[in-house]
All heavy atoms as atom14 arrays in JSON, in Angstrom:
{
  "sequence": "GHLYITRIPHITCEQRNEIIIKMAERGIACNVHYKPLPMHTAYKNLG",
  "atom14_mask": [
    [1, 1, 1, 1, 0, 0, 0, 0, 0, 0, 0, 0, 0, 0],
    [1, 1, 1, 1, 1, 1, 1, 1, 1, 1, 0, 0, 0, 0],
    [1, 1, 1, 1, 1, 1, 1, 1, 0, 0, 0, 0, 0, 0],
    [1, 1, 1, 1, 1, 1, 1, 1, 1, 1, 1, 1, 0, 0],
    [1, 1, 1, 1, 1, 1, 1, 1, 0, 0, 0, 0, 0, 0],
    [1, 1, 1, 1, 1, 1, 1, 0, 0, 0, 0, 0, 0, 0],
    [1, 1, 1, 1, 1, 1, 1, 1, 1, 1, 1, 0, 0, 0],
    [1, 1, 1, 1, 1, 1, 1, 1, 0, 0, 0, 0, 0, 0],
    [1, 1, 1, 1, 1, 1, 1, 0, 0, 0, 0, 0, 0, 0],
    [1, 1, 1, 1, 1, 1, 1, 1, 1, 1, 0, 0, 0, 0],
    [1, 1, 1, 1, 1, 1, 1, 1, 0, 0, 0, 0, 0, 0],
    [1, 1, 1, 1, 1, 1, 1, 0, 0, 0, 0, 0, 0, 0],
    [1, 1, 1, 1, 1, 1, 0, 0, 0, 0, 0, 0, 0, 0],
    [1, 1, 1, 1, 1, 1, 1, 1, 1, 0, 0, 0, 0, 0],
    [1, 1, 1, 1, 1, 1, 1, 1, 1, 0, 0, 0, 0, 0],
    [1, 1, 1, 1, 1, 1, 1, 1, 1, 1, 1, 0, 0, 0],
    [1, 1, 1, 1, 1, 1, 1, 1, 0, 0, 0, 0, 0, 0],
    [1, 1, 1, 1, 1, 1, 1, 1, 1, 0, 0, 0, 0, 0],
    [1, 1, 1, 1, 1, 1, 1, 1, 0, 0, 0, 0, 0, 0],
    [1, 1, 1, 1, 1, 1, 1, 1, 0, 0, 0, 0, 0, 0],
    [1, 1, 1, 1, 1, 1, 1, 1, 0, 0, 0, 0, 0, 0],
    [1, 1, 1, 1, 1, 1, 1, 1, 1, 0, 0, 0, 0, 0],
    [1, 1, 1, 1, 1, 1, 1, 1, 0, 0, 0, 0, 0, 0],
    [1, 1, 1, 1, 1, 0, 0, 0, 0, 0, 0, 0, 0, 0],
    [1, 1, 1, 1, 1, 1, 1, 1, 1, 0, 0, 0, 0, 0],
    [1, 1, 1, 1, 1, 1, 1, 1, 1, 1, 1, 0, 0, 0],
    [1, 1, 1, 1, 0, 0, 0, 0, 0, 0, 0, 0, 0, 0],
    [1, 1, 1, 1, 1, 1, 1, 1, 0, 0, 0, 0, 0, 0],
    [1, 1, 1, 1, 1, 0, 0, 0, 0, 0, 0, 0, 0, 0],
    [1, 1, 1, 1, 1, 1, 0, 0, 0, 0, 0, 0, 0, 0],
    [1, 1, 1, 1, 1, 1, 1, 1, 0, 0, 0, 0, 0, 0],
    [1, 1, 1, 1, 1, 1, 1, 0, 0, 0, 0, 0, 0, 0],
    [1, 1, 1, 1, 1, 1, 1, 1, 1, 1, 0, 0, 0, 0],
    [1, 1, 1, 1, 1, 1, 1, 1, 1, 1, 1, 1, 0, 0],
    [1, 1, 1, 1, 1, 1, 1, 1, 1, 0, 0, 0, 0, 0],
    [1, 1, 1, 1, 1, 1, 1, 0, 0, 0, 0, 0, 0, 0],
    [1, 1, 1, 1, 1, 1, 1, 1, 0, 0, 0, 0, 0, 0],
    [1, 1, 1, 1, 1, 1, 1, 0, 0, 0, 0, 0, 0, 0],
    [1, 1, 1, 1, 1, 1, 1, 1, 0, 0, 0, 0, 0, 0],
    [1, 1, 1, 1, 1, 1, 1, 1, 1, 1, 0, 0, 0, 0],
    [1, 1, 1, 1, 1, 1, 1, 0, 0, 0, 0, 0, 0, 0],
    [1, 1, 1, 1, 1, 0, 0, 0, 0, 0, 0, 0, 0, 0],
    [1, 1, 1, 1, 1, 1, 1, 1, 1, 1, 1, 1, 0, 0],
    [1, 1, 1, 1, 1, 1, 1, 1, 1, 0, 0, 0, 0, 0],
    [1, 1, 1, 1, 1, 1, 1, 1, 0, 0, 0, 0, 0, 0],
    [1, 1, 1, 1, 1, 1, 1, 1, 0, 0, 0, 0, 0, 0],
    [1, 1, 1, 1, 0, 0, 0, 0, 0, 0, 0, 0, 0, 0]
  ],
  "atom14_positions": [
    [[-64.43, -10.56, -38.08], [-63.56, -11.15, -39.1], [-63.75, -10.53, -40.47], [-63.75, -11.23, -41.47], [0.0, 0.0, 0.0], [0.0, 0.0, 0.0], [0.0, 0.0, 0.0], [0.0, 0.0, 0.0], [0.0, 0.0, 0.0], [0.0, 0.0, 0.0], [0.0, 0.0, 0.0], [0.0, 0.0, 0.0], [0.0, 0.0, 0.0], [0.0, 0.0, 0.0]],
    [[-63.88, -9.21, -40.52], [-64.19, -8.58, -41.81], [-62.98, -8.47, -42.73], [-63.08, -8.77, -43.92], [-64.8, -7.2, -41.6], [-65.11, -6.51, -42.9], [-65.93, -7.08, -43.86], [-64.7, -5.32, -43.41], [-66.02, -6.26, -44.89], [-65.27, -5.2, -44.65], [0.0, 0.0, 0.0], [0.0, 0.0, 0.0], [0.0, 0.0, 0.0], [0.0, 0.0, 0.0]],
    [[-61.85, -8.02, -42.2], [-60.66, -7.84, -43.03], [-59.48, -8.6, -42.45], [-59.27, -8.58, -41.24], [-60.27, -6.35, -43.12], [-61.24, -5.41, -43.84], [-60.74, -3.97, -43.69], [-61.39, -5.78, -45.31], [0.0, 0.0, 0.0], [0.0, 0.0, 0.0], [0.0, 0.0, 0.0], [0.0, 0.0, 0.0], [0.0, 0.0, 0.0], [0.0, 0.0, 0.0]],
    [[-58.69, -9.23, -43.35], [-57.46, -9.86, -42.88], [-56.3, -8.93, -43.22], [-55.76, -8.94, -44.32], [-57.24, -11.25, -43.48], [-56.16, -11.99, -42.71], [-56.46, -12.6, -41.5], [-54.85, -12.01, -43.16], [-55.47, -13.23, -40.76], [-53.85, -12.64, -42.44], [-54.17, -13.25, -41.23], [-53.19, -13.88, -40.49], [0.0, 0.0, 0.0], [0.0, 0.0, 0.0]],
    [[-55.94, -8.12, -42.24], [-54.92, -7.08, -42.39], [-53.56, -7.64, -41.97], [-53.41, -8.16, -40.87], [-55.3, -5.85, -41.55], [-56.48, -5.13, -42.21], [-54.12, -4.91, -41.35], [-57.06, -4.0, -41.39], [0.0, 0.0, 0.0], [0.0, 0.0, 0.0], [0.0, 0.0, 0.0], [0.0, 0.0, 0.0], [0.0, 0.0, 0.0], [0.0, 0.0, 0.0]],
    [[-52.58, -7.54, -42.87], [-51.23, -7.98, -42.56], [-50.27, -6.8, -42.7], [-50.53, -5.85, -43.43], [-50.74, -9.1, -43.49], [-50.46, -8.56, -44.8], [-51.79, -10.2, -43.62], [0.0, 0.0, 0.0], [0.0, 0.0, 0.0], [0.0, 0.0, 0.0], [0.0, 0.0, 0.0], [0.0, 0.0, 0.0], [0.0, 0.0, 0.0], [0.0, 0.0, 0.0]],
    [[-49.16, -6.9, -41.98], [-48.08, -5.91, -42.12], [-46.76, -6.67, -42.23], [-46.5, -7.58, -41.45], [-48.06, -4.95, -40.94], [-49.31, -4.06, -40.86], [-49.25, -3.14, -39.67], [-48.17, -2.18, -39.8], [-47.54, -1.6, -38.78], [-47.88, -1.92, -37.53], [-46.58, -0.74, -38.98], [0.0, 0.0, 0.0], [0.0, 0.0, 0.0], [0.0, 0.0, 0.0]],
    [[-45.98, -6.28, -43.22], [-44.68, -6.92, -43.46], [-43.6, -6.02, -42.88], [-43.38, -4.9, -43.37], [-44.43, -7.11, -44.98], [-45.67, -7.7, -45.67], [-43.21, -8.0, -45.19], [-46.15, -9.01, -45.1], [0.0, 0.0, 0.0], [0.0, 0.0, 0.0], [0.0, 0.0, 0.0], [0.0, 0.0, 0.0], [0.0, 0.0, 0.0], [0.0, 0.0, 0.0]],
    [[-42.91, -6.47, -41.83], [-41.93, -5.61, -41.16], [-40.86, -5.06, -42.11], [-40.34, -5.8, -42.96], [-41.31, -6.53, -40.12], [-42.35, -7.57, -39.87], [-43.03, -7.78, -41.19], [0.0, 0.0, 0.0], [0.0, 0.0, 0.0], [0.0, 0.0, 0.0], [0.0, 0.0, 0.0], [0.0, 0.0, 0.0], [0.0, 0.0, 0.0], [0.0, 0.0, 0.0]],
    [[-40.61, -3.77, -41.98], [-39.47, -3.08, -42.6], [-39.57, -2.88, -44.1], [-38.63, -2.35, -44.7], [-38.15, -3.82, -42.28], [-37.99, -4.17, -40.84], [-38.05, -3.24, -39.83], [-37.79, -5.37, -40.23], [-37.89, -3.84, -38.66], [-37.74, -5.13, -38.86], [0.0, 0.0, 0.0], [0.0, 0.0, 0.0], [0.0, 0.0, 0.0], [0.0, 0.0, 0.0]],
    [[-40.66, -3.26, -44.75], [-40.73, -3.01, -46.19], [-41.19, -1.58, -46.45], [-41.8, -0.93, -45.61], [-41.66, -4.01, -46.92], [-43.13, -3.84, -46.47], [-41.17, -5.43, -46.77], [-44.12, -4.58, -47.37], [0.0, 0.0, 0.0], [0.0, 0.0, 0.0], [0.0, 0.0, 0.0], [0.0, 0.0, 0.0], [0.0, 0.0, 0.0], [0.0, 0.0, 0.0]],
    [[-40.92, -1.1, -47.67], [-41.34, 0.24, -48.08], [-42.68, 0.16, -48.8], [-43.16, -0.93, -49.14], [-40.3, 0.84, -49.05], [-40.27, 0.02, -50.24], [-38.91, 0.88, -48.42], [0.0, 0.0, 0.0], [0.0, 0.0, 0.0], [0.0, 0.0, 0.0], [0.0, 0.0, 0.0], [0.0, 0.0, 0.0], [0.0, 0.0, 0.0], [0.0, 0.0, 0.0]],
    [[-43.26, 1.33, -49.05], [-44.51, 1.38, -49.83], [-44.31, 0.74, -51.2], [-45.2, 0.02, -51.7], [-44.96, 2.83, -50.02], [-45.79, 3.56, -48.61], [0.0, 0.0, 0.0], [0.0, 0.0, 0.0], [0.0, 0.0, 0.0], [0.0, 0.0, 0.0], [0.0, 0.0, 0.0], [0.0, 0.0, 0.0], [0.0, 0.0, 0.0], [0.0, 0.0, 0.0]],
    [[-43.17, 1.02, -51.81], [-42.89, 0.49, -53.15], [-42.82, -1.04, -53.11], [-43.34, -1.72, -54.01], [-41.59, 1.08, -53.68], [-41.64, 2.57, -54.01], [-41.66, 3.47, -52.77], [-41.21, 3.0, -51.69], [-42.13, 4.62, -52.89], [0.0, 0.0, 0.0], [0.0, 0.0, 0.0], [0.0, 0.0, 0.0], [0.0, 0.0, 0.0], [0.0, 0.0, 0.0]],
    [[-42.17, -1.58, -52.09], [-42.09, -3.03, -51.97], [-43.47, -3.64, -51.69], [-43.81, -4.7, -52.22], [-41.11, -3.4, -50.85], [-39.66, -3.12, -51.2], [-38.73, -3.33, -50.02], [-39.04, -2.94, -48.89], [-37.58, -3.95, -50.27], [0.0, 0.0, 0.0], [0.0, 0.0, 0.0], [0.0, 0.0, 0.0], [0.0, 0.0, 0.0], [0.0, 0.0, 0.0]],
    [[-44.27, -2.95, -50.88], [-45.64, -3.41, -50.63], [-46.41, -3.5, -51.94], [-47.11, -4.48, -52.2], [-46.32, -2.45, -49.65], [-47.76, -2.83, -49.26], [-48.81, -2.15, -50.1], [-48.66, -0.73, -50.22], [-49.0, 0.15, -49.28], [-49.52, -0.25, -48.15], [-48.83, 1.45, -49.52], [0.0, 0.0, 0.0], [0.0, 0.0, 0.0], [0.0, 0.0, 0.0]],
    [[-46.28, -2.47, -52.76], [-46.99, -2.46, -54.04], [-46.49, -3.57, -54.96], [-47.27, -4.17, -55.71], [-46.87, -1.09, -54.7], [-47.57, 0.0, -53.9], [-48.44, -0.3, -53.09], [-47.19, 1.25, -54.14], [0.0, 0.0, 0.0], [0.0, 0.0, 0.0], [0.0, 0.0, 0.0], [0.0, 0.0, 0.0], [0.0, 0.0, 0.0], [0.0, 0.0, 0.0]],
    [[-45.2, -3.86, -54.91], [-44.63, -4.97, -55.69], [-45.29, -6.29, -55.28], [-45.64, -7.12, -56.15], [-43.12, -5.08, -55.45], [-42.27, -4.05, -56.15], [-40.79, -4.2, -55.75], [-40.45, -5.22, -55.09], [-40.01, -3.3, -56.08], [0.0, 0.0, 0.0], [0.0, 0.0, 0.0], [0.0, 0.0, 0.0], [0.0, 0.0, 0.0], [0.0, 0.0, 0.0]],
    [[-45.43, -6.5, -53.98], [-46.03, -7.75, -53.48], [-47.46, -7.88, -53.98], [-47.9, -8.95, -54.42], [-45.97, -7.8, -51.94], [-44.51, -7.91, -51.47], [-46.79, -8.97, -51.4], [-44.33, -7.71, -49.98], [0.0, 0.0, 0.0], [0.0, 0.0, 0.0], [0.0, 0.0, 0.0], [0.0, 0.0, 0.0], [0.0, 0.0, 0.0], [0.0, 0.0, 0.0]],
    [[-48.21, -6.78, -53.93], [-49.61, -6.81, -54.38], [-49.67, -7.16, -55.87], [-50.53, -7.95, -56.3], [-50.29, -5.46, -54.1], [-50.48, -5.3, -52.58], [-51.63, -5.36, -54.81], [-51.02, -3.95, -52.15], [0.0, 0.0, 0.0], [0.0, 0.0, 0.0], [0.0, 0.0, 0.0], [0.0, 0.0, 0.0], [0.0, 0.0, 0.0], [0.0, 0.0, 0.0]],
    [[-48.75, -6.6, -56.66], [-48.72, -6.9, -58.09], [-48.36, -8.37, -58.32], [-48.98, -9.05, -59.16], [-47.72, -5.97, -58.82], [-48.26, -4.53, -58.84], [-47.46, -6.46, -60.24], [-47.25, -3.5, -59.29], [0.0, 0.0, 0.0], [0.0, 0.0, 0.0], [0.0, 0.0, 0.0], [0.0, 0.0, 0.0], [0.0, 0.0, 0.0], [0.0, 0.0, 0.0]],
    [[-47.38, -8.88, -57.58], [-46.99, -10.29, -57.73], [-48.15, -11.22, -57.36], [-48.35, -12.26, -58.01], [-45.76, -10.59, -56.88], [-44.48, -9.96, -57.41], [-43.29, -10.23, -56.5], [-42.02, -9.58, -57.04], [-40.85, -9.81, -56.15], [0.0, 0.0, 0.0], [0.0, 0.0, 0.0], [0.0, 0.0, 0.0], [0.0, 0.0, 0.0], [0.0, 0.0, 0.0]],
    [[-48.9, -10.86, -56.33], [-50.08, -11.66, -55.97], [-51.11, -11.61, -57.08], [-51.74, -12.63, -57.44], [-50.67, -11.15, -54.66], [-49.83, -11.44, -53.43], [-49.84, -13.2, -52.94], [-51.43, -13.3, -52.1], [0.0, 0.0, 0.0], [0.0, 0.0, 0.0], [0.0, 0.0, 0.0], [0.0, 0.0, 0.0], [0.0, 0.0, 0.0], [0.0, 0.0, 0.0]],
    [[-51.3, -10.44, -57.67], [-52.26, -10.28, -58.77], [-51.86, -11.12, -59.97], [-52.72, -11.7, -60.65], [-52.38, -8.81, -59.15], [0.0, 0.0, 0.0], [0.0, 0.0, 0.0], [0.0, 0.0, 0.0], [0.0, 0.0, 0.0], [0.0, 0.0, 0.0], [0.0, 0.0, 0.0], [0.0, 0.0, 0.0], [0.0, 0.0, 0.0], [0.0, 0.0, 0.0]],
    [[-50.56, -11.2, -60.22], [-50.07, -12.01, -61.34], [-50.38, -13.49, -61.13], [-50.46, -14.26, -62.1], [-48.56, -11.8, -61.51], [-48.21, -10.42, -62.06], [-46.72, -10.11, -62.01], [-45.97, -10.87, -61.33], [-46.31, -9.12, -62.63], [0.0, 0.0, 0.0], [0.0, 0.0, 0.0], [0.0, 0.0, 0.0], [0.0, 0.0, 0.0], [0.0, 0.0, 0.0]],
    [[-50.56, -13.89, -59.89], [-50.94, -15.27, -59.58], [-52.45, -15.42, -59.37], [-52.93, -16.43, -58.86], [-50.18, -15.74, -58.34], [-48.65, -15.68, -58.54], [-47.9, -16.36, -57.43], [-46.46, -16.06, -57.5], [-45.53, -16.67, -56.8], [-45.87, -17.63, -55.93], [-44.25, -16.36, -56.91], [0.0, 0.0, 0.0], [0.0, 0.0, 0.0], [0.0, 0.0, 0.0]],
    [[-53.19, -14.37, -59.73], [-54.64, -14.44, -59.71], [-55.29, -14.12, -58.38], [-56.47, -14.41, -58.18], [0.0, 0.0, 0.0], [0.0, 0.0, 0.0], [0.0, 0.0, 0.0], [0.0, 0.0, 0.0], [0.0, 0.0, 0.0], [0.0, 0.0, 0.0], [0.0, 0.0, 0.0], [0.0, 0.0, 0.0], [0.0, 0.0, 0.0], [0.0, 0.0, 0.0]],
    [[-54.54, -13.51, -57.47], [-55.06, -13.22, -56.12], [-55.16, -11.7, -55.94], [-54.15, -10.99, -55.98], [-54.15, -13.82, -55.04], [-53.99, -15.32, -55.24], [-54.71, -13.51, -53.65], [-52.86, -15.93, -54.43], [0.0, 0.0, 0.0], [0.0, 0.0, 0.0], [0.0, 0.0, 0.0], [0.0, 0.0, 0.0], [0.0, 0.0, 0.0], [0.0, 0.0, 0.0]],
    [[-56.36, -11.22, -55.75], [-56.59, -9.79, -55.57], [-56.37, -9.4, -54.11], [-56.99, -9.98, -53.21], [-58.0, -9.42, -56.0], [0.0, 0.0, 0.0], [0.0, 0.0, 0.0], [0.0, 0.0, 0.0], [0.0, 0.0, 0.0], [0.0, 0.0, 0.0], [0.0, 0.0, 0.0], [0.0, 0.0, 0.0], [0.0, 0.0, 0.0], [0.0, 0.0, 0.0]],
    [[-55.48, -8.46, -53.87], [-55.25, -7.93, -52.52], [-55.63, -6.46, -52.49], [-55.97, -5.87, -53.51], [-53.78, -8.11, -52.13], [-53.25, -9.83, -52.06], [0.0, 0.0, 0.0], [0.0, 0.0, 0.0], [0.0, 0.0, 0.0], [0.0, 0.0, 0.0], [0.0, 0.0, 0.0], [0.0, 0.0, 0.0], [0.0, 0.0, 0.0], [0.0, 0.0, 0.0]],
    [[-55.58, -5.87, -51.32], [-56.0, -4.49, -51.16], [-55.17, -3.82, -50.07], [-54.33, -4.48, -49.45], [-57.5, -4.45, -50.8], [-58.19, -3.21, -51.33], [-57.62, -2.13, -51.37], [-59.46, -3.38, -51.73], [0.0, 0.0, 0.0], [0.0, 0.0, 0.0], [0.0, 0.0, 0.0], [0.0, 0.0, 0.0], [0.0, 0.0, 0.0], [0.0, 0.0, 0.0]],
    [[-55.41, -2.54, -49.84], [-54.75, -1.8, -48.76], [-55.82, -1.1, -47.93], [-56.67, -0.41, -48.48], [-53.75, -0.76, -49.31], [-53.19, 0.1, -48.19], [-52.63, -1.46, -50.08], [0.0, 0.0, 0.0], [0.0, 0.0, 0.0], [0.0, 0.0, 0.0], [0.0, 0.0, 0.0], [0.0, 0.0, 0.0], [0.0, 0.0, 0.0], [0.0, 0.0, 0.0]],
    [[-55.78, -1.28, -46.63], [-56.74, -0.64, -45.71], [-55.97, 0.05, -44.58], [-55.53, -0.63, -43.67], [-57.7, -1.66, -45.13], [-58.64, -2.24, -46.12], [-58.3, -3.33, -46.9], [-59.9, -1.88, -46.49], [-59.31, -3.63, -47.7], [-60.29, -2.77, -47.47], [0.0, 0.0, 0.0], [0.0, 0.0, 0.0], [0.0, 0.0, 0.0], [0.0, 0.0, 0.0]],
    [[-55.84, 1.35, -44.61], [-56.31, 2.3, -45.59], [-55.2, 3.27, -45.92], [-54.24, 3.38, -45.17], [-57.49, 3.12, -45.05], [-58.8, 2.39, -45.02], [-59.27, 1.84, -43.83], [-59.55, 2.23, -46.17], [-60.48, 1.17, -43.8], [-60.77, 1.57, -46.14], [-61.22, 1.03, -44.96], [-62.41, 0.36, -44.93], [0.0, 0.0, 0.0], [0.0, 0.0, 0.0]],
    [[-55.38, 4.02, -46.99], [-54.57, 5.2, -47.21], [-55.09, 6.26, -46.25], [-56.28, 6.62, -46.31], [-54.73, 5.67, -48.66], [-53.86, 6.83, -49.08], [-54.09, 7.1, -50.57], [-53.25, 8.27, -51.06], [-53.48, 8.49, -52.51], [0.0, 0.0, 0.0], [0.0, 0.0, 0.0], [0.0, 0.0, 0.0], [0.0, 0.0, 0.0], [0.0, 0.0, 0.0]],
    [[-54.27, 6.75, -45.32], [-54.78, 7.69, -44.31], [-55.43, 8.91, -44.94], [-55.01, 9.39, -46.0], [-53.52, 8.07, -43.53], [-52.59, 6.9, -43.71], [-52.84, 6.42, -45.11], [0.0, 0.0, 0.0], [0.0, 0.0, 0.0], [0.0, 0.0, 0.0], [0.0, 0.0, 0.0], [0.0, 0.0, 0.0], [0.0, 0.0, 0.0], [0.0, 0.0, 0.0]],
    [[-56.46, 9.42, -44.28], [-57.23, 10.54, -44.83], [-56.36, 11.75, -45.18], [-56.59, 12.39, -46.22], [-58.34, 10.94, -43.86], [-59.42, 9.89, -43.61], [-60.5, 10.44, -42.69], [-60.05, 9.41, -44.92], [0.0, 0.0, 0.0], [0.0, 0.0, 0.0], [0.0, 0.0, 0.0], [0.0, 0.0, 0.0], [0.0, 0.0, 0.0], [0.0, 0.0, 0.0]],
    [[-55.35, 12.11, -44.37], [-54.56, 13.31, -44.72], [-53.77, 13.17, -46.02], [-53.22, 14.18, -46.5], [-53.61, 13.46, -43.52], [-54.32, 12.8, -42.39], [-55.01, 11.63, -43.02], [0.0, 0.0, 0.0], [0.0, 0.0, 0.0], [0.0, 0.0, 0.0], [0.0, 0.0, 0.0], [0.0, 0.0, 0.0], [0.0, 0.0, 0.0], [0.0, 0.0, 0.0]],
    [[-53.71, 11.98, -46.6], [-53.01, 11.78, -47.87], [-53.92, 12.03, -49.07], [-53.45, 12.08, -50.21], [-52.41, 10.37, -47.94], [-51.35, 10.11, -46.91], [-50.68, 8.43, -47.0], [-49.74, 8.52, -48.52], [0.0, 0.0, 0.0], [0.0, 0.0, 0.0], [0.0, 0.0, 0.0], [0.0, 0.0, 0.0], [0.0, 0.0, 0.0], [0.0, 0.0, 0.0]],
    [[-55.23, 12.16, -48.83], [-56.18, 12.38, -49.91], [-56.37, 13.86, -50.18], [-56.32, 14.69, -49.26], [-57.54, 11.76, -49.56], [-57.53, 10.27, -49.55], [-57.48, 9.52, -50.7], [-57.56, 9.37, -48.53], [-57.5, 8.23, -50.39], [-57.54, 8.12, -49.08], [0.0, 0.0, 0.0], [0.0, 0.0, 0.0], [0.0, 0.0, 0.0], [0.0, 0.0, 0.0]],
    [[-56.63, 14.2, -51.43], [-56.75, 15.6, -51.85], [-57.78, 16.37, -51.03], [-57.51, 17.51, -50.6], [-57.13, 15.66, -53.35], [-56.11, 15.02, -54.11], [-57.3, 17.1, -53.81], [0.0, 0.0, 0.0], [0.0, 0.0, 0.0], [0.0, 0.0, 0.0], [0.0, 0.0, 0.0], [0.0, 0.0, 0.0], [0.0, 0.0, 0.0], [0.0, 0.0, 0.0]],
    [[-58.95, 15.79, -50.82], [-60.01, 16.51, -50.1], [-59.56, 16.94, -48.71], [-59.89, 18.05, -48.26], [-61.26, 15.62, -50.0], [0.0, 0.0, 0.0], [0.0, 0.0, 0.0], [0.0, 0.0, 0.0], [0.0, 0.0, 0.0], [0.0, 0.0, 0.0], [0.0, 0.0, 0.0], [0.0, 0.0, 0.0], [0.0, 0.0, 0.0], [0.0, 0.0, 0.0]],
    [[-58.8, 16.08, -48.04], [-58.38, 16.38, -46.68], [-57.13, 17.28, -46.66], [-56.96, 18.08, -45.75], [-58.18, 15.08, -45.9], [-59.52, 14.38, -45.73], [-59.97, 13.46, -46.68], [-60.36, 14.71, -44.69], [-61.22, 12.87, -46.57], [-61.61, 14.12, -44.56], [-62.03, 13.2, -45.51], [-63.28, 12.63, -45.4], [0.0, 0.0, 0.0], [0.0, 0.0, 0.0]],
    [[-56.3, 17.15, -47.68], [-55.2, 18.12, -47.83], [-55.78, 19.52, -47.99], [-55.28, 20.49, -47.41], [-54.35, 17.77, -49.05], [-53.49, 16.53, -48.91], [-52.73, 16.27, -50.21], [-51.94, 14.99, -50.17], [-51.26, 14.72, -51.47], [0.0, 0.0, 0.0], [0.0, 0.0, 0.0], [0.0, 0.0, 0.0], [0.0, 0.0, 0.0], [0.0, 0.0, 0.0]],
    [[-56.86, 19.61, -48.78], [-57.49, 20.91, -49.01], [-58.13, 21.48, -47.75], [-58.36, 22.69, -47.66], [-58.54, 20.81, -50.12], [-57.92, 20.56, -51.49], [-56.72, 20.8, -51.68], [-58.71, 20.11, -52.44], [0.0, 0.0, 0.0], [0.0, 0.0, 0.0], [0.0, 0.0, 0.0], [0.0, 0.0, 0.0], [0.0, 0.0, 0.0], [0.0, 0.0, 0.0]],
    [[-58.42, 20.62, -46.79], [-58.95, 21.07, -45.5], [-57.84, 21.44, -44.52], [-58.11, 21.87, -43.39], [-59.84, 19.98, -44.88], [-61.19, 19.73, -45.57], [-61.87, 18.5, -44.98], [-62.09, 20.95, -45.46], [0.0, 0.0, 0.0], [0.0, 0.0, 0.0], [0.0, 0.0, 0.0], [0.0, 0.0, 0.0], [0.0, 0.0, 0.0], [0.0, 0.0, 0.0]],
    [[-56.59, 21.25, -44.95], [-55.45, 21.67, -44.13], [-54.74, 20.56, -43.39], [-53.81, 20.82, -42.62], [0.0, 0.0, 0.0], [0.0, 0.0, 0.0], [0.0, 0.0, 0.0], [0.0, 0.0, 0.0], [0.0, 0.0, 0.0], [0.0, 0.0, 0.0], [0.0, 0.0, 0.0], [0.0, 0.0, 0.0], [0.0, 0.0, 0.0], [0.0, 0.0, 0.0]]
  ]
}
């Protein structure tokens, strides 16, 4: 029971980020698990 991972069907990344901001405005900190490794600079540099 380490992480409570949810997925909202059919939303975009931008909409996901909007939801996280709206939750933050109500004092609730959310997160994203994970940004896939190939999206990070170090792994792009590895090809």
